[in-house]
Amino acid sequence: MDCIKASYISTLALFLSITFFSGTVSASRRLAGDSNITSLISSTCSHTLYVDVCMASLQSHASSQTADLHGLASISINVTVSQAKENINFITTMKDHPSSPQDEYVSSCLDDCLIQYGDAIDDLEQSDEALREGEFGTMNIMVAGAMENANSCEKGFGEKEGVQSPLKDLNEFFMKLCSNSMAISNLLA
């Protein structure tokens, strides 16, 4: 009976040791994988002009944790599309609920910006399609078009002396996202 107990305890100890060791190895692999993903994001973002914006935008998406470079490029475009939609919502709210009386010129500029951001979304959706097809040059052209839409929105306010763009920060942030998307695309080419 004592031999059976001793054999049982030895087997149990061996089983627990293997289970513990497997769990440790598995956890180490997961941590190394997380490190590799973070490393890929860091490495990718180091090739952009706006590293901090790139890091924040890519790391904020759960799918970036398992993405390769192609996936990170797609996430970057999707983040930029989302920002364009947020900008449209902001502009619409601004027009519907002005914090101060808007003159006709500012209202007209906001209308133009709504059109520009609508066009930017179209360009970005086409760039995502180009990415899926491996047409990185076309992707960059479309993202550059979206970037120019935001730039045109911003410039519109400057055409009248004394008018400040209420969208300056939003336009600049959107253009940084576009710039980062193009830089990531260049890594794929």
Protein backbone atom coordinates (compact mmCIF):
# COMPACT_ATOMS: atom_id res chain seq x y z
CA MET A 1 0.00 0.00 0.00
CA ASP A 2 2.84 2.39 0.81
CA CYS A 3 4.37 1.69 -2.63
CA ILE A 4 1.11 2.56 -4.32
CA LYS A 5 0.91 5.80 -2.30
CA ALA A 6 4.49 6.65 -3.10
CA SER A 7 3.94 5.89 -6.79
CA TYR A 8 0.75 7.97 -6.79
CA ILE A 9 2.51 10.89 -5.09
CA SER A 10 5.44 10.66 -7.52
CA THR A 11 3.09 10.58 -10.49
CA LEU A 12 1.08 13.49 -9.08
CA ALA A 13 4.25 15.47 -8.41
CA LEU A 14 5.48 14.79 -11.95
CA PHE A 15 2.10 15.77 -13.42
CA LEU A 16 2.00 19.01 -11.41
CA SER A 17 5.59 19.81 -12.36
CA ILE A 18 4.87 19.31 -16.05
CA THR A 19 1.64 21.30 -15.81
CA PHE A 20 3.41 24.14 -14.00
CA PHE A 21 6.34 24.10 -16.44
CA SER A 22 3.97 24.08 -19.45
CA GLY A 23 2.05 27.00 -17.98
CA THR A 24 5.27 28.91 -17.40
CA VAL A 25 6.47 28.27 -20.94
CA SER A 26 3.07 29.21 -22.34
CA ALA A 27 3.00 32.43 -20.31
CA SER A 28 6.54 33.23 -21.43
CA ARG A 29 5.56 32.70 -25.06
CA ARG A 30 2.54 34.97 -24.62
CA LEU A 31 4.72 37.65 -23.06
CA ALA A 32 7.30 37.28 -25.80
CA GLY A 33 4.48 37.50 -28.34
CA ASP A 34 3.20 40.69 -26.70
CA SER A 35 6.74 42.00 -26.78
CA ASN A 36 7.03 41.12 -30.48
CA ILE A 37 3.73 42.87 -31.26
CA THR A 38 4.73 45.95 -29.28
CA SER A 39 8.06 45.78 -31.02
CA LEU A 40 6.36 45.62 -34.44
CA ILE A 41 4.17 48.61 -33.61
CA SER A 42 7.18 50.55 -32.26
CA SER A 43 9.29 49.62 -35.26
CA THR A 44 6.52 50.55 -37.67
CA CYS A 45 5.76 53.85 -35.97
CA SER A 46 9.44 54.79 -35.88
CA HIS A 47 9.17 55.25 -39.66
CA THR A 48 6.41 57.87 -39.35
CA LEU A 49 6.67 61.60 -38.76
CA TYR A 50 4.22 61.48 -35.85
CA VAL A 51 5.42 58.55 -33.75
CA ASP A 52 3.30 59.38 -30.69
CA VAL A 53 0.12 59.63 -32.75
CA CYS A 54 1.00 56.39 -34.53
CA MET A 55 1.68 54.49 -31.31
CA ALA A 56 -1.52 55.70 -29.64
CA SER A 57 -3.72 55.03 -32.67
CA LEU A 58 -2.38 51.53 -33.36
CA GLN A 59 -2.19 50.38 -29.74
CA SER A 60 -5.76 51.51 -29.09
CA HIS A 61 -7.09 48.71 -31.32
CA ALA A 62 -7.25 45.19 -29.93
CA SER A 63 -6.68 43.73 -33.40
CA SER A 64 -3.25 45.39 -33.54
CA GLN A 65 -2.07 42.85 -30.96
CA THR A 66 -2.20 40.08 -33.57
CA ALA A 67 -1.61 42.13 -36.71
CA ASP A 68 1.30 41.93 -39.11
CA LEU A 69 2.57 45.00 -40.98
CA HIS A 70 -0.22 44.73 -43.57
CA GLY A 71 -2.77 44.56 -40.75
CA LEU A 72 -1.26 47.61 -39.06
CA ALA A 73 -1.58 49.53 -42.34
CA SER A 74 -5.26 48.59 -42.52
CA ILE A 75 -5.81 49.59 -38.88
CA SER A 76 -4.13 52.92 -39.58
CA ILE A 77 -6.49 53.61 -42.47
CA ASN A 78 -9.51 52.57 -40.41
CA VAL A 79 -8.46 54.87 -37.57
CA THR A 80 -8.19 57.70 -40.09
CA VAL A 81 -11.67 56.94 -41.49
CA SER A 82 -13.06 56.97 -37.96
CA GLN A 83 -11.43 60.33 -37.31
CA ALA A 84 -12.93 61.75 -40.52
CA LYS A 85 -16.36 60.60 -39.36
CA GLU A 86 -15.79 62.16 -35.93
CA ASN A 87 -14.79 65.41 -37.63
CA ILE A 88 -17.99 65.35 -39.69
CA ASN A 89 -20.03 64.82 -36.51
CA PHE A 90 -18.21 67.69 -34.81
CA ILE A 91 -18.77 70.04 -37.77
CA THR A 92 -22.45 69.07 -37.97
CA THR A 93 -22.91 69.71 -34.25
CA MET A 94 -21.10 73.01 -34.59
CA LYS A 95 -23.45 74.08 -37.37
CA ASP A 96 -26.57 72.85 -35.56
CA HIS A 97 -25.64 74.29 -32.17
CA PRO A 98 -23.28 77.24 -32.65
CA SER A 99 -21.63 78.52 -29.46
CA SER A 100 -21.66 82.01 -30.95
CA PRO A 101 -23.41 83.61 -33.87
CA GLN A 102 -21.68 82.43 -37.03
CA ASP A 103 -21.37 84.71 -39.94
CA GLU A 104 -22.26 83.44 -43.38
CA TYR A 105 -18.61 83.03 -44.30
CA VAL A 106 -17.82 80.65 -41.41
CA SER A 107 -21.03 78.74 -42.04
CA SER A 108 -20.08 78.42 -45.71
CA CYS A 109 -16.60 77.17 -44.75
CA LEU A 110 -18.13 74.57 -42.45
CA ASP A 111 -20.37 73.41 -45.30
CA ASP A 112 -17.30 73.09 -47.51
CA CYS A 113 -15.52 71.11 -44.80
CA LEU A 114 -18.43 68.68 -44.59
CA ILE A 115 -18.05 68.05 -48.31
CA GLN A 116 -14.25 67.80 -48.03
CA TYR A 117 -14.44 65.23 -45.23
CA GLY A 118 -17.09 63.25 -47.12
CA ASP A 119 -14.68 63.11 -50.05
CA ALA A 120 -11.83 62.19 -47.68
CA ILE A 121 -13.81 59.18 -46.44
CA ASP A 122 -14.39 58.07 -50.04
CA ASP A 123 -10.65 58.41 -50.74
CA LEU A 124 -9.74 56.46 -47.61
CA GLU A 125 -12.17 53.66 -48.40
CA GLN A 126 -10.59 53.39 -51.86
CA SER A 127 -7.15 53.38 -50.26
CA ASP A 128 -8.16 50.47 -48.02
CA GLU A 129 -9.32 48.57 -51.10
CA ALA A 130 -6.01 49.35 -52.82
CA LEU A 131 -4.19 48.04 -49.74
CA ARG A 132 -6.13 44.76 -49.89
CA GLU A 133 -5.15 44.43 -53.55
CA GLY A 134 -1.50 45.22 -52.86
CA GLU A 135 -1.60 48.45 -54.84
CA PHE A 136 0.43 50.53 -52.41
CA GLY A 137 1.06 53.41 -54.83
CA THR A 138 -2.68 53.81 -55.37
CA MET A 139 -3.21 53.55 -51.64
CA ASN A 140 -0.82 56.44 -51.02
CA ILE A 141 -2.40 58.57 -53.74
CA MET A 142 -5.83 58.11 -52.19
CA VAL A 143 -4.59 58.84 -48.66
CA ALA A 144 -2.79 61.95 -49.99
CA GLY A 145 -6.10 63.01 -51.53
CA ALA A 146 -7.82 62.65 -48.16
CA MET A 147 -5.05 64.68 -46.56
CA GLU A 148 -5.50 67.41 -49.15
CA ASN A 149 -9.24 67.47 -48.40
CA ALA A 150 -8.48 68.37 -44.77
CA ASN A 151 -5.92 70.92 -45.90
CA SER A 152 -8.49 72.52 -48.24
CA CYS A 153 -10.96 72.64 -45.36
CA GLU A 154 -8.41 74.47 -43.23
CA LYS A 155 -7.34 76.88 -45.97
CA GLY A 156 -10.94 77.89 -46.61
CA PHE A 157 -11.11 79.74 -43.31
CA GLY A 158 -7.94 81.68 -44.11
CA GLU A 159 -9.37 83.20 -47.26
CA LYS A 160 -11.09 85.93 -45.26
CA GLU A 161 -8.96 88.22 -43.14
CA GLY A 162 -9.47 87.87 -39.40
CA VAL A 163 -11.25 84.51 -39.55
CA GLN A 164 -9.75 81.77 -37.40
CA SER A 165 -10.44 78.13 -38.21
CA PRO A 166 -12.45 76.47 -35.45
CA LEU A 167 -11.25 73.14 -36.89
CA LYS A 168 -7.51 73.76 -36.84
CA ASP A 169 -6.66 71.06 -34.27
CA LEU A 170 -9.01 68.49 -35.84
CA ASN A 171 -7.64 69.13 -39.32
CA GLU A 172 -4.03 68.90 -38.15
CA PHE A 173 -4.66 65.66 -36.26
CA PHE A 174 -6.41 64.15 -39.28
CA MET A 175 -3.50 65.13 -41.52
CA LYS A 176 -1.06 63.48 -39.08
CA LEU A 177 -3.08 60.26 -39.26
CA CYS A 178 -2.96 60.44 -43.08
CA SER A 179 0.78 61.04 -43.03
CA ASN A 180 1.29 58.03 -40.78
CA SER A 181 -0.87 55.82 -43.04
CA MET A 182 1.27 56.77 -46.02
CA ALA A 183 4.50 56.08 -44.12
CA ILE A 184 3.27 52.64 -43.08
CA SER A 185 2.20 51.92 -46.65
CA ASN A 186 5.71 52.78 -47.84
CA LEU A 187 7.06 50.02 -45.61
CA LEU A 188 4.92 47.52 -47.52
CA ALA A 189 6.08 48.61 -50.98
